[in-house]
Amino acid sequence: MKSLCLFASYFKSESVPYYVHVYLKELKRQFEDVYFLTSKEKLHETDESVLKRNNIHILHLQNKGFDFGLWYQALQKIDVNAHNSLALVNDSCVLFKSLDGFMNWAERDLSDIKGMTRSEAIFPHLQSYFLLLNKKAIPYLLSYFNEHKLLKDISDVIQIYEVGLSRFWYEKGLTISSYLDNDGYTGEFSPYYFCVEEHIKKGIPLIKKKIIYCSYRRDELHTLARMNFNIDRGHYFSLLSGKKDLIIDLNILKSEGIKMSGWEIAVYNLKRFAIRLLRPIYKLIKNA
């Protein structure tokens, strides 16, 4: 019986991003069968050659249903019953060190489904950027996918797949666990932003791509400002540069530039400062 990893990837550039190649190479070291899922009709010849040379399968799929849509489509084409474990992974994170720590923990942990991190928002759930299912859990995943299929609206994807899957697993009596805790945090904000520094200290091998490239959506910035989140990517490069077991070249990541202008960053920091300044006043008025 073999292990299977489905890696969902979206990118606008002509070539597969550097960090994705690093991620795939490490996944291939950990899983016997790795599938690169892309909505691109055709990959650059160099990228295709590198993937094939590393024995990574390529699946060209329709750009529907976000990451869960790619995973759903792939599972319609692959005989997952020939595998004793299944990993669902996406390219929303940069892998900066080996997955050995997570995989060694996963081998010891007896839960049916494991994730890197969990969130308490809406309903306690594993965050879907890295999920690992054992043989027992796979049929439940397939039946859930076959029931809900492709979803077009992102809010439906969050409610039904991101959060709903963990609820479904709980109802079916399956057990879930996360590699890292959130140091007691149970608030509204996503742990992969709110707890990022704590997670890095505790040994998480991943960091959100948006943190590295400052590629936040505009609607995310207000929430991040309320969170008092530091969007200075140099701060996070400093945290990572102290790691001795890096498998990625930080200089290459730095050279790829950021997606926000200096003006946008200044506006964000002003908003962040204003919220911090006014929050105590708001609390006083509210409790008066």
Protein backbone atom coordinates (compact mmCIF):
# COMPACT_ATOMS: atom_id res chain seq x y z
CA MET A 1 0.00 0.00 0.00
CA LYS A 2 1.29 3.45 -0.91
CA SER A 3 1.02 7.03 0.26
CA LEU A 4 -0.59 9.67 -1.97
CA CYS A 5 -0.26 13.46 -1.97
CA LEU A 6 -2.45 15.82 -4.01
CA PHE A 7 -0.88 19.28 -4.32
CA ALA A 8 -3.30 21.99 -5.50
CA SER A 9 -1.58 24.93 -7.15
CA TYR A 10 -2.66 28.25 -8.68
CA PHE A 11 -0.21 30.76 -10.11
CA LYS A 12 -0.37 33.58 -12.67
CA SER A 13 3.25 33.51 -13.81
CA GLU A 14 4.31 31.58 -16.90
CA SER A 15 6.60 29.35 -14.86
CA VAL A 16 5.96 27.32 -11.72
CA PRO A 17 7.16 29.48 -8.78
CA TYR A 18 10.46 28.60 -7.13
CA TYR A 19 8.90 27.89 -3.73
CA VAL A 20 6.47 25.42 -5.33
CA HIS A 21 9.35 23.41 -6.81
CA VAL A 22 10.97 23.28 -3.36
CA TYR A 23 7.69 22.19 -1.77
CA LEU A 24 7.06 19.45 -4.36
CA LYS A 25 10.56 18.06 -4.06
CA GLU A 26 10.12 17.67 -0.30
CA LEU A 27 6.65 16.15 -0.70
CA LYS A 28 8.09 13.58 -3.09
CA ARG A 29 10.63 12.68 -0.41
CA GLN A 30 7.79 11.99 2.02
CA PHE A 31 5.08 10.45 -0.22
CA GLU A 32 5.35 7.73 -2.84
CA ASP A 33 2.85 9.25 -5.30
CA VAL A 34 2.70 13.03 -5.65
CA TYR A 35 0.28 14.73 -8.07
CA PHE A 36 0.73 18.36 -9.11
CA LEU A 37 -2.79 19.71 -9.73
CA THR A 38 -3.00 22.77 -11.93
CA SER A 39 -5.62 24.64 -13.92
CA LYS A 40 -2.94 25.73 -16.37
CA GLU A 41 -3.59 24.13 -19.76
CA LYS A 42 0.12 23.83 -20.39
CA LEU A 43 3.25 24.19 -18.27
CA HIS A 44 6.53 25.68 -19.35
CA GLU A 45 8.71 22.96 -20.90
CA THR A 46 11.42 23.41 -18.26
CA ASP A 47 8.93 23.06 -15.41
CA GLU A 48 7.33 20.00 -16.95
CA SER A 49 10.74 18.42 -17.45
CA VAL A 50 11.77 19.07 -13.83
CA LEU A 51 8.53 17.64 -12.44
CA LYS A 52 8.72 14.52 -14.57
CA ARG A 53 12.39 14.03 -13.73
CA ASN A 54 11.40 14.02 -10.05
CA ASN A 55 8.61 11.50 -10.76
CA ILE A 56 5.87 13.98 -9.92
CA HIS A 57 2.63 13.37 -11.82
CA ILE A 58 0.91 16.33 -13.50
CA LEU A 59 -2.87 16.68 -13.69
CA HIS A 60 -4.39 19.52 -15.72
CA LEU A 61 -7.84 20.24 -14.27
CA GLN A 62 -10.61 22.80 -14.62
CA ASN A 63 -10.31 26.01 -12.64
CA LYS A 64 -13.39 25.32 -10.54
CA GLY A 65 -14.10 25.08 -6.84
CA PHE A 66 -10.81 26.48 -5.51
CA ASP A 67 -8.41 24.00 -3.81
CA PHE A 68 -11.19 21.64 -2.82
CA GLY A 69 -12.38 21.70 -6.42
CA LEU A 70 -8.98 20.56 -7.67
CA TRP A 71 -8.81 17.84 -5.01
CA TYR A 72 -12.33 16.69 -5.88
CA GLN A 73 -11.55 16.49 -9.60
CA ALA A 74 -8.30 14.64 -8.97
CA LEU A 75 -10.03 12.06 -6.79
CA GLN A 76 -12.37 11.31 -9.69
CA LYS A 77 -9.35 10.28 -11.74
CA ILE A 78 -7.05 8.54 -9.24
CA ASP A 79 -7.58 5.15 -7.62
CA VAL A 80 -7.13 6.32 -4.05
CA ASN A 81 -8.03 2.83 -2.75
CA ALA A 82 -4.55 1.70 -3.76
CA HIS A 83 -3.12 3.97 -1.05
CA ASN A 84 -3.09 3.71 2.71
CA SER A 85 -2.78 7.45 3.34
CA LEU A 86 -3.78 10.62 1.55
CA ALA A 87 -2.39 14.13 1.94
CA LEU A 88 -4.32 17.17 0.71
CA VAL A 89 -1.91 20.08 0.32
CA ASN A 90 -2.09 23.48 -1.38
CA ASP A 91 0.43 26.10 -2.45
CA SER A 92 -0.78 28.81 -0.08
CA CYS A 93 2.30 28.28 2.10
CA VAL A 94 6.04 28.44 1.57
CA LEU A 95 7.83 25.36 2.90
CA PHE A 96 11.07 26.55 4.46
CA LYS A 97 12.27 23.41 6.22
CA SER A 98 11.88 19.64 6.05
CA LEU A 99 8.57 17.94 6.80
CA ASP A 100 10.37 15.31 8.89
CA GLY A 101 9.16 16.74 12.20
CA PHE A 102 5.52 16.73 11.13
CA MET A 103 5.72 13.31 9.49
CA ASN A 104 7.44 11.73 12.51
CA TRP A 105 4.72 13.17 14.75
CA ALA A 106 2.01 11.97 12.35
CA GLU A 107 3.41 8.44 12.45
CA ARG A 108 3.19 8.39 16.26
CA ASP A 109 -0.20 10.09 16.50
CA LEU A 110 -3.18 7.72 16.38
CA SER A 111 -5.76 10.18 15.03
CA ASP A 112 -7.52 9.45 11.73
CA ILE A 113 -6.95 12.94 10.28
CA LYS A 114 -4.03 15.20 11.08
CA GLY A 115 -3.29 18.80 10.18
CA MET A 116 -0.57 21.35 10.76
CA THR A 117 -2.80 23.74 12.71
CA ARG A 118 -6.37 24.11 13.88
CA SER A 119 -8.79 26.98 14.29
CA GLU A 120 -11.60 27.46 16.79
CA ALA A 121 -13.45 29.99 14.59
CA ILE A 122 -17.03 29.02 13.59
CA PHE A 123 -16.41 25.40 14.65
CA PRO A 124 -13.18 23.68 15.79
CA HIS A 125 -11.50 22.54 12.58
CA LEU A 126 -8.21 21.63 11.00
CA GLN A 127 -6.93 24.26 8.61
CA SER A 128 -6.99 22.82 5.13
CA TYR A 129 -3.63 23.90 3.70
CA PHE A 130 -2.13 20.58 4.88
CA LEU A 131 -4.28 17.57 5.80
CA LEU A 132 -3.20 13.96 6.21
CA LEU A 133 -5.80 11.16 6.24
CA ASN A 134 -5.32 7.53 7.17
CA LYS A 135 -6.91 4.57 5.36
CA LYS A 136 -10.01 4.62 7.58
CA ALA A 137 -10.76 8.29 6.87
CA ILE A 138 -10.40 8.20 3.06
CA PRO A 139 -13.83 6.65 2.24
CA TYR A 140 -15.54 9.30 4.40
CA LEU A 141 -13.73 12.03 2.49
CA LEU A 142 -14.78 10.53 -0.84
CA SER A 143 -18.43 10.30 0.19
CA TYR A 144 -18.38 13.91 1.43
CA PHE A 145 -16.81 15.13 -1.82
CA ASN A 146 -19.32 13.15 -3.88
CA GLU A 147 -22.18 14.70 -1.93
CA HIS A 148 -21.05 18.34 -2.23
CA LYS A 149 -18.93 18.23 -5.41
CA LEU A 150 -17.75 21.58 -6.86
CA LEU A 151 -18.72 24.76 -5.03
CA LYS A 152 -18.53 28.14 -6.75
CA ASP A 153 -18.82 30.55 -3.84
CA ILE A 154 -15.84 30.99 -1.49
CA SER A 155 -18.11 31.39 1.55
CA ASP A 156 -19.70 28.03 0.73
CA VAL A 157 -16.26 26.47 0.39
CA ILE A 158 -15.31 27.76 3.83
CA GLN A 159 -18.54 26.66 5.51
CA ILE A 160 -18.96 23.29 3.78
CA TYR A 161 -15.39 22.17 3.17
CA GLU A 162 -12.90 24.13 5.30
CA VAL A 163 -15.05 23.98 8.45
CA GLY A 164 -17.68 21.41 7.46
CA LEU A 165 -15.27 18.55 6.88
CA SER A 166 -14.02 18.60 10.47
CA ARG A 167 -17.62 18.75 11.73
CA PHE A 168 -18.49 15.81 9.47
CA TRP A 169 -15.52 13.78 10.73
CA TYR A 170 -16.51 14.46 14.33
CA GLU A 171 -20.08 13.31 13.62
CA LYS A 172 -18.79 10.09 12.04
CA GLY A 173 -16.68 9.31 15.10
CA LEU A 174 -13.33 9.94 13.44
CA THR A 175 -10.54 11.54 15.43
CA ILE A 176 -8.56 14.62 14.39
CA SER A 177 -5.47 16.33 15.77
CA SER A 178 -3.12 19.16 14.88
CA TYR A 179 0.67 19.22 14.92
CA LEU A 180 0.74 22.54 16.77
CA ASP A 181 -1.57 24.20 19.25
CA ASN A 182 -2.37 27.92 19.31
CA ASP A 183 -0.93 28.62 22.76
CA GLY A 184 -4.43 28.96 24.20
CA TYR A 185 -5.75 31.33 21.55
CA THR A 186 -9.41 30.71 20.65
CA GLY A 187 -10.43 34.04 19.14
CA GLU A 188 -11.90 35.09 15.82
CA PHE A 189 -8.68 35.61 13.89
CA SER A 190 -7.03 32.92 11.78
CA PRO A 191 -4.21 31.24 13.75
CA TYR A 192 -1.88 31.12 10.76
CA TYR A 193 -1.65 34.91 11.05
CA PHE A 194 -2.38 35.55 14.72
CA CYS A 195 -0.11 32.74 15.95
CA VAL A 196 2.52 32.79 13.21
CA GLU A 197 5.46 33.77 15.43
CA GLU A 198 4.47 31.24 18.10
CA HIS A 199 4.13 28.54 15.44
CA ILE A 200 7.57 29.30 14.02
CA LYS A 201 9.06 29.02 17.52
CA LYS A 202 7.31 25.66 17.99
CA GLY A 203 8.71 24.25 14.74
CA ILE A 204 6.13 24.67 12.01
CA PRO A 205 7.86 24.12 8.63
CA LEU A 206 5.51 26.43 6.70
CA ILE A 207 4.68 30.11 6.49
CA LYS A 208 1.81 31.65 4.55
CA LYS A 209 2.81 32.77 1.06
CA LYS A 210 0.95 36.05 1.60
CA ILE A 211 3.27 36.92 4.48
CA ILE A 212 6.35 36.38 2.32
CA TYR A 213 5.05 38.24 -0.74
CA CYS A 214 2.65 40.75 0.91
CA SER A 215 -0.02 39.51 -1.48
CA TYR A 216 -2.99 40.19 0.78
CA ARG A 217 -6.44 40.84 -0.62
CA ARG A 218 -7.74 44.32 0.15
CA ASP A 219 -10.59 42.94 2.22
CA GLU A 220 -8.06 41.08 4.40
CA LEU A 221 -6.07 44.17 5.35
CA HIS A 222 -8.69 45.63 7.70
CA THR A 223 -8.90 42.36 9.61
CA LEU A 224 -5.11 42.14 9.82
CA ALA A 225 -4.96 45.72 11.10
CA ARG A 226 -7.51 44.90 13.80
CA MET A 227 -5.29 41.94 14.69
CA ASN A 228 -2.31 44.31 14.99
CA PHE A 229 -0.53 42.07 12.48
CA ASN A 230 2.93 43.11 11.33
CA ILE A 231 3.01 42.92 7.51
CA ASP A 232 6.72 43.84 7.27
CA ARG A 233 8.01 40.75 5.48
CA GLY A 234 11.55 41.61 6.56
CA HIS A 235 10.51 40.77 10.12
CA TYR A 236 9.57 37.23 9.09
CA PHE A 237 12.68 36.77 6.98
CA SER A 238 14.65 37.61 10.13
CA LEU A 239 12.76 34.94 12.07
CA LEU A 240 13.42 32.34 9.37
CA SER A 241 17.05 33.26 8.80
CA GLY A 242 17.87 32.03 12.29
CA LYS A 243 16.81 28.49 11.37
CA LYS A 244 19.66 26.03 10.77
CA ASP A 245 17.65 23.50 8.78
CA LEU A 246 16.34 25.65 5.91
CA ILE A 247 15.65 23.85 2.62
CA ILE A 248 14.85 27.02 0.71
CA ASP A 249 17.00 29.94 -0.39
CA LEU A 250 15.66 33.04 1.38
CA ASN A 251 17.60 35.32 -0.96
CA ILE A 252 15.67 33.97 -3.93
CA LEU A 253 12.39 34.60 -2.11
CA LYS A 254 13.48 38.15 -1.28
CA SER A 255 14.47 38.82 -4.88
CA GLU A 256 10.99 37.92 -6.12
CA GLY A 257 9.64 41.16 -4.68
CA ILE A 258 6.43 42.12 -2.89
CA LYS A 259 2.89 42.66 -4.16
CA MET A 260 2.09 45.82 -2.18
CA SER A 261 3.35 49.31 -2.94
CA GLY A 262 5.09 51.45 -0.36
CA TRP A 263 2.00 53.67 -0.25
CA GLU A 264 -0.30 50.72 0.47
CA ILE A 265 1.98 49.55 3.27
CA ALA A 266 2.06 53.06 4.76
CA VAL A 267 -1.75 53.31 4.68
CA TYR A 268 -2.03 49.90 6.34
CA ASN A 269 0.39 50.83 9.12
CA LEU A 270 -1.49 54.08 9.71
CA LYS A 271 -4.75 52.19 10.04
CA ARG A 272 -3.09 49.66 12.35
CA PHE A 273 -1.77 52.47 14.55
CA ALA A 274 -5.15 54.22 14.65
CA ILE A 275 -6.94 51.05 15.73
CA ARG A 276 -4.41 50.42 18.50
CA LEU A 277 -4.81 54.03 19.65
CA LEU A 278 -8.60 54.10 19.59
CA ARG A 279 -9.33 50.59 20.90
CA PRO A 280 -8.90 51.47 24.64
CA ILE A 281 -11.19 54.49 24.17
CA TYR A 282 -13.80 52.32 22.44
CA LYS A 283 -13.68 49.79 25.29
CA LEU A 284 -14.16 52.53 27.87
CA ILE A 285 -17.21 53.91 26.05
CA LYS A 286 -18.64 50.42 25.53
CA ASN A 287 -18.30 49.49 29.21
CA ALA A 288 -19.50 52.84 30.51
